[in-house]
Amino acid sequence: MTGQQPPPADLGHAGSVVDKAIEYMTGQNIAPLAIASALLGAAVSLLSRSIPDEHVVQILNNAIDSVRAGELHEAK
């Protein structure tokens, strides 16, 4: 995966749908860890059907690096 591509035009819509799904699941008293795990599993599955496995690994490694660097806590 070289170079940056612009985000998909429907990214905002997809994000809104996911936000509503999270809101619904939270309202159903589903634990945050269960929600996050289900979303992550579904996202990885979707990615694996859309791009080569090595690209999925690169994306996951980038996410791991962000967690280790504390970047997620900075965004709060």
PDB file of N, CA and C in Angstrom:
ATOM      1  N   MET A   1       0.843  -1.171   0.000  1.00  0.00           N
ATOM      2  CA  MET A   1       0.000   0.000   0.000  1.00  0.00           C
ATOM      3  C   MET A   1       0.890   1.236   0.000  1.00  0.00           C
ATOM      4  N   THR A   2       1.176   1.729  -1.153  1.00  0.00           N
ATOM      5  CA  THR A   2       2.009   2.909  -1.249  1.00  0.00           C
ATOM      6  C   THR A   2       1.162   4.094  -1.645  1.00  0.00           C
ATOM      7  N   GLY A   3       1.511   5.251  -1.121  1.00  0.00           N
ATOM      8  CA  GLY A   3       0.778   6.469  -1.459  1.00  0.00           C
ATOM      9  C   GLY A   3      -0.543   6.552  -0.723  1.00  0.00           C
ATOM     10  N   GLN A   4      -0.984   7.763  -0.550  1.00  0.00           N
ATOM     11  CA  GLN A   4      -2.254   8.003   0.113  1.00  0.00           C
ATOM     12  C   GLN A   4      -3.344   8.199  -0.921  1.00  0.00           C
ATOM     13  N   GLN A   5      -4.462   7.545  -0.707  1.00  0.00           N
ATOM     14  CA  GLN A   5      -5.623   7.721  -1.568  1.00  0.00           C
ATOM     15  C   GLN A   5      -6.633   8.568  -0.810  1.00  0.00           C
ATOM     16  N   PRO A   6      -7.429   9.357  -1.521  1.00  0.00           N
ATOM     17  CA  PRO A   6      -8.459  10.137  -0.827  1.00  0.00           C
ATOM     18  C   PRO A   6      -9.487   9.192  -0.204  1.00  0.00           C
ATOM     19  N   PRO A   7     -10.119   9.622   0.880  1.00  0.00           N
ATOM     20  CA  PRO A   7     -11.126   8.760   1.503  1.00  0.00           C
ATOM     21  C   PRO A   7     -12.314   8.562   0.572  1.00  0.00           C
ATOM     22  N   PRO A   8     -12.986   7.437   0.704  1.00  0.00           N
ATOM     23  CA  PRO A   8     -14.171   7.196  -0.134  1.00  0.00           C
ATOM     24  C   PRO A   8     -15.230   8.274   0.099  1.00  0.00           C
ATOM     25  N   ALA A   9     -15.974   8.596  -0.942  1.00  0.00           N
ATOM     26  CA  ALA A   9     -16.987   9.648  -0.857  1.00  0.00           C
ATOM     27  C   ALA A   9     -18.065   9.330   0.175  1.00  0.00           C
ATOM     28  N   ASP A  10     -18.351   8.054   0.379  1.00  0.00           N
ATOM     29  CA  ASP A  10     -19.423   7.663   1.306  1.00  0.00           C
ATOM     30  C   ASP A  10     -18.909   7.318   2.702  1.00  0.00           C
ATOM     31  N   LEU A  11     -17.685   7.723   3.023  1.00  0.00           N
ATOM     32  CA  LEU A  11     -17.109   7.430   4.334  1.00  0.00           C
ATOM     33  C   LEU A  11     -17.926   8.058   5.452  1.00  0.00           C
ATOM     34  N   GLY A  12     -18.347   9.287   5.276  1.00  0.00           N
ATOM     35  CA  GLY A  12     -19.150   9.957   6.301  1.00  0.00           C
ATOM     36  C   GLY A  12     -20.451   9.227   6.573  1.00  0.00           C
ATOM     37  N   HIS A  13     -21.104   8.768   5.517  1.00  0.00           N
ATOM     38  CA  HIS A  13     -22.353   8.030   5.682  1.00  0.00           C
ATOM     39  C   HIS A  13     -22.107   6.723   6.423  1.00  0.00           C
ATOM     40  N   ALA A  14     -21.058   6.016   6.026  1.00  0.00           N
ATOM     41  CA  ALA A  14     -20.730   4.757   6.693  1.00  0.00           C
ATOM     42  C   ALA A  14     -20.432   4.998   8.171  1.00  0.00           C
ATOM     43  N   GLY A  15     -19.689   6.066   8.454  1.00  0.00           N
ATOM     44  CA  GLY A  15     -19.381   6.399   9.846  1.00  0.00           C
ATOM     45  C   GLY A  15     -20.633   6.684  10.655  1.00  0.00           C
ATOM     46  N   SER A  16     -21.578   7.381  10.056  1.00  0.00           N
ATOM     47  CA  SER A  16     -22.839   7.680  10.746  1.00  0.00           C
ATOM     48  C   SER A  16     -23.624   6.415  11.057  1.00  0.00           C
ATOM     49  N   VAL A  17     -23.634   5.492  10.111  1.00  0.00           N
ATOM     50  CA  VAL A  17     -24.348   4.227  10.324  1.00  0.00           C
ATOM     51  C   VAL A  17     -23.701   3.441  11.464  1.00  0.00           C
ATOM     52  N   VAL A  18     -22.366   3.406  11.478  1.00  0.00           N
ATOM     53  CA  VAL A  18     -21.657   2.696  12.546  1.00  0.00           C
ATOM     54  C   VAL A  18     -21.926   3.372  13.891  1.00  0.00           C
ATOM     55  N   ASP A  19     -21.910   4.707  13.930  1.00  0.00           N
ATOM     56  CA  ASP A  19     -22.211   5.421  15.171  1.00  0.00           C
ATOM     57  C   ASP A  19     -23.602   5.064  15.692  1.00  0.00           C
ATOM     58  N   LYS A  20     -24.574   4.991  14.801  1.00  0.00           N
ATOM     59  CA  LYS A  20     -25.944   4.626  15.204  1.00  0.00           C
ATOM     60  C   LYS A  20     -25.993   3.190  15.713  1.00  0.00           C
ATOM     61  N   ALA A  21     -25.240   2.293  15.060  1.00  0.00           N
ATOM     62  CA  ALA A  21     -25.208   0.900  15.507  1.00  0.00           C
ATOM     63  C   ALA A  21     -24.609   0.809  16.913  1.00  0.00           C
ATOM     64  N   ILE A  22     -23.544   1.563  17.155  1.00  0.00           N
ATOM     65  CA  ILE A  22     -22.927   1.571  18.484  1.00  0.00           C
ATOM     66  C   ILE A  22     -23.906   2.132  19.512  1.00  0.00           C
ATOM     67  N   GLU A  23     -24.569   3.212  19.155  1.00  0.00           N
ATOM     68  CA  GLU A  23     -25.561   3.808  20.054  1.00  0.00           C
ATOM     69  C   GLU A  23     -26.662   2.797  20.386  1.00  0.00           C
ATOM     70  N   TYR A  24     -27.128   2.070  19.373  1.00  0.00           N
ATOM     71  CA  TYR A  24     -28.171   1.064  19.591  1.00  0.00           C
ATOM     72  C   TYR A  24     -27.676  -0.043  20.519  1.00  0.00           C
ATOM     73  N   MET A  25     -26.479  -0.571  20.241  1.00  0.00           N
ATOM     74  CA  MET A  25     -25.951  -1.661  21.059  1.00  0.00           C
ATOM     75  C   MET A  25     -25.708  -1.216  22.490  1.00  0.00           C
ATOM     76  N   THR A  26     -25.231   0.013  22.661  1.00  0.00           N
ATOM     77  CA  THR A  26     -25.034   0.547  24.003  1.00  0.00           C
ATOM     78  C   THR A  26     -26.378   0.626  24.728  1.00  0.00           C
ATOM     79  N   GLY A  27     -27.402   1.062  24.022  1.00  0.00           N
ATOM     80  CA  GLY A  27     -28.750   1.119  24.589  1.00  0.00           C
ATOM     81  C   GLY A  27     -29.305  -0.251  24.948  1.00  0.00           C
ATOM     82  N   GLN A  28     -28.791  -1.290  24.319  1.00  0.00           N
ATOM     83  CA  GLN A  28     -29.196  -2.660  24.620  1.00  0.00           C
ATOM     84  C   GLN A  28     -28.330  -3.266  25.729  1.00  0.00           C
ATOM     85  N   ASN A  29     -27.522  -2.429  26.360  1.00  0.00           N
ATOM     86  CA  ASN A  29     -26.637  -2.832  27.454  1.00  0.00           C
ATOM     87  C   ASN A  29     -25.606  -3.884  27.045  1.00  0.00           C
ATOM     88  N   ILE A  30     -25.157  -3.796  25.805  1.00  0.00           N
ATOM     89  CA  ILE A  30     -24.068  -4.654  25.350  1.00  0.00           C
ATOM     90  C   ILE A  30     -22.770  -4.014  25.810  1.00  0.00           C
ATOM     91  N   ALA A  31     -21.902  -4.813  26.383  1.00  0.00           N
ATOM     92  CA  ALA A  31     -20.647  -4.292  26.940  1.00  0.00           C
ATOM     93  C   ALA A  31     -19.784  -3.648  25.853  1.00  0.00           C
ATOM     94  N   PRO A  32     -19.132  -2.535  26.182  1.00  0.00           N
ATOM     95  CA  PRO A  32     -18.272  -1.864  25.206  1.00  0.00           C
ATOM     96  C   PRO A  32     -17.217  -2.783  24.593  1.00  0.00           C
ATOM     97  N   LEU A  33     -16.630  -3.675  25.380  1.00  0.00           N
ATOM     98  CA  LEU A  33     -15.625  -4.595  24.844  1.00  0.00           C
ATOM     99  C   LEU A  33     -16.240  -5.530  23.810  1.00  0.00           C
ATOM    100  N   ALA A  34     -17.452  -5.989  24.049  1.00  0.00           N
ATOM    101  CA  ALA A  34     -18.137  -6.857  23.083  1.00  0.00           C
ATOM    102  C   ALA A  34     -18.440  -6.094  21.793  1.00  0.00           C
ATOM    103  N   ILE A  35     -18.899  -4.861  21.936  1.00  0.00           N
ATOM    104  CA  ILE A  35     -19.202  -4.038  20.760  1.00  0.00           C
ATOM    105  C   ILE A  35     -17.933  -3.820  19.944  1.00  0.00           C
ATOM    106  N   ALA A  36     -16.881  -3.380  20.612  1.00  0.00           N
ATOM    107  CA  ALA A  36     -15.629  -3.089  19.913  1.00  0.00           C
ATOM    108  C   ALA A  36     -15.052  -4.342  19.261  1.00  0.00           C
ATOM    109  N   SER A  37     -15.100  -5.458  19.957  1.00  0.00           N
ATOM    110  CA  SER A  37     -14.569  -6.706  19.402  1.00  0.00           C
ATOM    111  C   SER A  37     -15.356  -7.137  18.173  1.00  0.00           C
ATOM    112  N   ALA A  38     -16.665  -7.015  18.235  1.00  0.00           N
ATOM    113  CA  ALA A  38     -17.501  -7.389  17.090  1.00  0.00           C
ATOM    114  C   ALA A  38     -17.231  -6.476  15.895  1.00  0.00           C
ATOM    115  N   LEU A  39     -17.116  -5.179  16.145  1.00  0.00           N
ATOM    116  CA  LEU A  39     -16.836  -4.235  15.066  1.00  0.00           C
ATOM    117  C   LEU A  39     -15.461  -4.480  14.458  1.00  0.00           C
ATOM    118  N   LEU A  40     -14.474  -4.730  15.307  1.00  0.00           N
ATOM    119  CA  LEU A  40     -13.126  -4.991  14.800  1.00  0.00           C
ATOM    120  C   LEU A  40     -13.102  -6.268  13.971  1.00  0.00           C
ATOM    121  N   GLY A  41     -13.746  -7.318  14.468  1.00  0.00           N
ATOM    122  CA  GLY A  41     -13.793  -8.572  13.718  1.00  0.00           C
ATOM    123  C   GLY A  41     -14.476  -8.410  12.374  1.00  0.00           C
ATOM    124  N   ALA A  42     -15.575  -7.676  12.366  1.00  0.00           N
ATOM    125  CA  ALA A  42     -16.291  -7.449  11.105  1.00  0.00           C
ATOM    126  C   ALA A  42     -15.457  -6.612  10.146  1.00  0.00           C
ATOM    127  N   ALA A  43     -14.758  -5.605  10.670  1.00  0.00           N
ATOM    128  CA  ALA A  43     -13.925  -4.750   9.825  1.00  0.00           C
ATOM    129  C   ALA A  43     -12.776  -5.539   9.206  1.00  0.00           C
ATOM    130  N   VAL A  44     -12.123  -6.362  10.006  1.00  0.00           N
ATOM    131  CA  VAL A  44     -11.008  -7.165   9.485  1.00  0.00           C
ATOM    132  C   VAL A  44     -11.519  -8.153   8.441  1.00  0.00           C
ATOM    133  N   SER A  45     -12.667  -8.739   8.689  1.00  0.00           N
ATOM    134  CA  SER A  45     -13.257  -9.670   7.726  1.00  0.00           C
ATOM    135  C   SER A  45     -13.567  -8.975   6.404  1.00  0.00           C
ATOM    136  N   LEU A  46     -14.159  -7.795   6.485  1.00  0.00           N
ATOM    137  CA  LEU A  46     -14.469  -7.024   5.284  1.00  0.00           C
ATOM    138  C   LEU A  46     -13.193  -6.636   4.537  1.00  0.00           C
ATOM    139  N   LEU A  47     -12.197  -6.180   5.278  1.00  0.00           N
ATOM    140  CA  LEU A  47     -10.924  -5.840   4.649  1.00  0.00           C
ATOM    141  C   LEU A  47     -10.320  -7.043   3.941  1.00  0.00           C
ATOM    142  N   SER A  48     -10.372  -8.203   4.577  1.00  0.00           N
ATOM    143  CA  SER A  48      -9.744  -9.388   3.994  1.00  0.00           C
ATOM    144  C   SER A  48     -10.431  -9.835   2.708  1.00  0.00           C
ATOM    145  N   ARG A  49     -11.674  -9.431   2.542  1.00  0.00           N
ATOM    146  CA  ARG A  49     -12.377  -9.748   1.283  1.00  0.00           C
ATOM    147  C   ARG A  49     -12.115  -8.698   0.215  1.00  0.00           C
ATOM    148  N   SER A  50     -11.547  -7.563   0.624  1.00  0.00           N
ATOM    149  CA  SER A  50     -11.384  -6.439  -0.288  1.00  0.00           C
ATOM    150  C   SER A  50      -9.949  -6.190  -0.732  1.00  0.00           C
ATOM    151  N   ILE A  51      -8.995  -6.560   0.108  1.00  0.00           N
ATOM    152  CA  ILE A  51      -7.585  -6.283  -0.191  1.00  0.00           C
ATOM    153  C   ILE A  51      -6.749  -7.504   0.169  1.00  0.00           C
ATOM    154  N   PRO A  52      -5.522  -7.577  -0.346  1.00  0.00           N
ATOM    155  CA  PRO A  52      -4.654  -8.709  -0.019  1.00  0.00           C
ATOM    156  C   PRO A  52      -4.344  -8.787   1.480  1.00  0.00           C
ATOM    157  N   ASP A  53      -4.117 -10.003   1.950  1.00  0.00           N
ATOM    158  CA  ASP A  53      -3.841 -10.216   3.373  1.00  0.00           C
ATOM    159  C   ASP A  53      -2.684  -9.362   3.883  1.00  0.00           C
ATOM    160  N   GLU A  54      -1.640  -9.203   3.082  1.00  0.00           N
ATOM    161  CA  GLU A  54      -0.491  -8.417   3.527  1.00  0.00           C
ATOM    162  C   GLU A  54      -0.887  -6.972   3.802  1.00  0.00           C
ATOM    163  N   HIS A  55      -1.828  -6.430   3.055  1.00  0.00           N
ATOM    164  CA  HIS A  55      -2.297  -5.067   3.304  1.00  0.00           C
ATOM    165  C   HIS A  55      -3.101  -5.006   4.602  1.00  0.00           C
ATOM    166  N   VAL A  56      -3.881  -6.056   4.866  1.00  0.00           N
ATOM    167  CA  VAL A  56      -4.618  -6.113   6.143  1.00  0.00           C
ATOM    168  C   VAL A  56      -3.622  -6.116   7.296  1.00  0.00           C
ATOM    169  N   VAL A  57      -2.564  -6.901   7.167  1.00  0.00           N
ATOM    170  CA  VAL A  57      -1.533  -6.963   8.206  1.00  0.00           C
ATOM    171  C   VAL A  57      -0.887  -5.593   8.400  1.00  0.00           C
ATOM    172  N   GLN A  58      -0.617  -4.877   7.313  1.00  0.00           N
ATOM    173  CA  GLN A  58      -0.031  -3.536   7.422  1.00  0.00           C
ATOM    174  C   GLN A  58      -0.967  -2.584   8.169  1.00  0.00           C
ATOM    175  N   ILE A  59      -2.249  -2.658   7.859  1.00  0.00           N
ATOM    176  CA  ILE A  59      -3.234  -1.810   8.534  1.00  0.00           C
ATOM    177  C   ILE A  59      -3.273  -2.133  10.022  1.00  0.00           C
ATOM    178  N   LEU A  60      -3.296  -3.418  10.344  1.00  0.00           N
ATOM    179  CA  LEU A  60      -3.331  -3.819  11.752  1.00  0.00           C
ATOM    180  C   LEU A  60      -2.043  -3.423  12.474  1.00  0.00           C
ATOM    181  N   ASN A  61      -0.905  -3.561  11.809  1.00  0.00           N
ATOM    182  CA  ASN A  61       0.361  -3.141  12.421  1.00  0.00           C
ATOM    183  C   ASN A  61       0.372  -1.633  12.669  1.00  0.00           C
ATOM    184  N   ASN A  62      -0.179  -0.846  11.741  1.00  0.00           N
ATOM    185  CA  ASN A  62      -0.289   0.603  11.946  1.00  0.00           C
ATOM    186  C   ASN A  62      -1.156   0.905  13.168  1.00  0.00           C
ATOM    187  N   ALA A  63      -2.248   0.152  13.313  1.00  0.00           N
ATOM    188  CA  ALA A  63      -3.126   0.351  14.469  1.00  0.00           C
ATOM    189  C   ALA A  63      -2.405  -0.013  15.766  1.00  0.00           C
ATOM    190  N   ILE A  64      -1.666  -1.108  15.750  1.00  0.00           N
ATOM    191  CA  ILE A  64      -0.899  -1.522  16.929  1.00  0.00           C
ATOM    192  C   ILE A  64       0.125  -0.448  17.288  1.00  0.00           C
ATOM    193  N   ASP A  65       0.827   0.059  16.291  1.00  0.00           N
ATOM    194  CA  ASP A  65       1.813   1.120  16.525  1.00  0.00           C
ATOM    195  C   ASP A  65       1.157   2.351  17.145  1.00  0.00           C
ATOM    196  N   SER A  66      -0.036   2.700  16.681  1.00  0.00           N
ATOM    197  CA  SER A  66      -0.755   3.853  17.228  1.00  0.00           C
ATOM    198  C   SER A  66      -1.119   3.631  18.689  1.00  0.00           C
ATOM    199  N   VAL A  67      -1.548   2.422  19.025  1.00  0.00           N
ATOM    200  CA  VAL A  67      -1.890   2.107  20.412  1.00  0.00           C
ATOM    201  C   VAL A  67      -0.647   2.201  21.281  1.00  0.00           C
ATOM    202  N   ARG A  68       0.428   1.582  20.822  1.00  0.00           N
ATOM    203  CA  ARG A  68       1.674   1.588  21.604  1.00  0.00           C
ATOM    204  C   ARG A  68       2.228   3.004  21.790  1.00  0.00           C
ATOM    205  N   ALA A  69       2.012   3.861  20.819  1.00  0.00           N
ATOM    206  CA  ALA A  69       2.502   5.239  20.903  1.00  0.00           C
ATOM    207  C   ALA A  69       1.593   6.128  21.757  1.00  0.00           C
ATOM    208  N   GLY A  70       0.460   5.600  22.186  1.00  0.00           N
ATOM    209  CA  GLY A  70      -0.461   6.377  23.004  1.00  0.00           C
ATOM    210  C   GLY A  70      -1.321   7.340  22.216  1.00  0.00           C
ATOM    211  N   GLU A  71      -1.354   7.187  20.906  1.00  0.00           N
ATOM    212  CA  GLU A  71      -2.102   8.120  20.071  1.00  0.00           C
ATOM    213  C   GLU A  71      -3.599   8.069  20.309  1.00  0.00           C
ATOM    214  N   LEU A  72      -4.122   6.929  20.702  1.00  0.00           N
ATOM    215  CA  LEU A  72      -5.574   6.827  20.942  1.00  0.00           C
ATOM    216  C   LEU A  72      -5.977   7.602  22.184  1.00  0.00           C
ATOM    217  N   HIS A  73      -5.115   7.626  23.181  1.00  0.00           N
ATOM    218  CA  HIS A  73      -5.421   8.382  24.404  1.00  0.00           C
ATOM    219  C   HIS A  73      -5.314   9.878  24.158  1.00  0.00           C
ATOM    220  N   GLU A  74      -4.470  10.275  23.228  1.00  0.00           N
ATOM    221  CA  GLU A  74      -4.328  11.696  22.896  1.00  0.00           C
ATOM    222  C   GLU A  74      -5.575  12.234  22.225  1.00  0.00           C
ATOM    223  N   ALA A  75      -6.322  11.362  21.526  1.00  0.00           N
ATOM    224  CA  ALA A  75      -7.490  11.784  20.746  1.00  0.00           C
ATOM    225  C   ALA A  75      -8.708  12.023  21.629  1.00  0.00           C
ATOM    226  N   LYS A  76      -8.671  11.620  22.880  1.00  0.00           N
ATOM    227  CA  LYS A  76      -9.846  11.748  23.745  1.00  0.00           C
ATOM    228  C   LYS A  76     -10.176  13.177  24.053  1.00  0.00           C
TER     229      LYS A  76
END
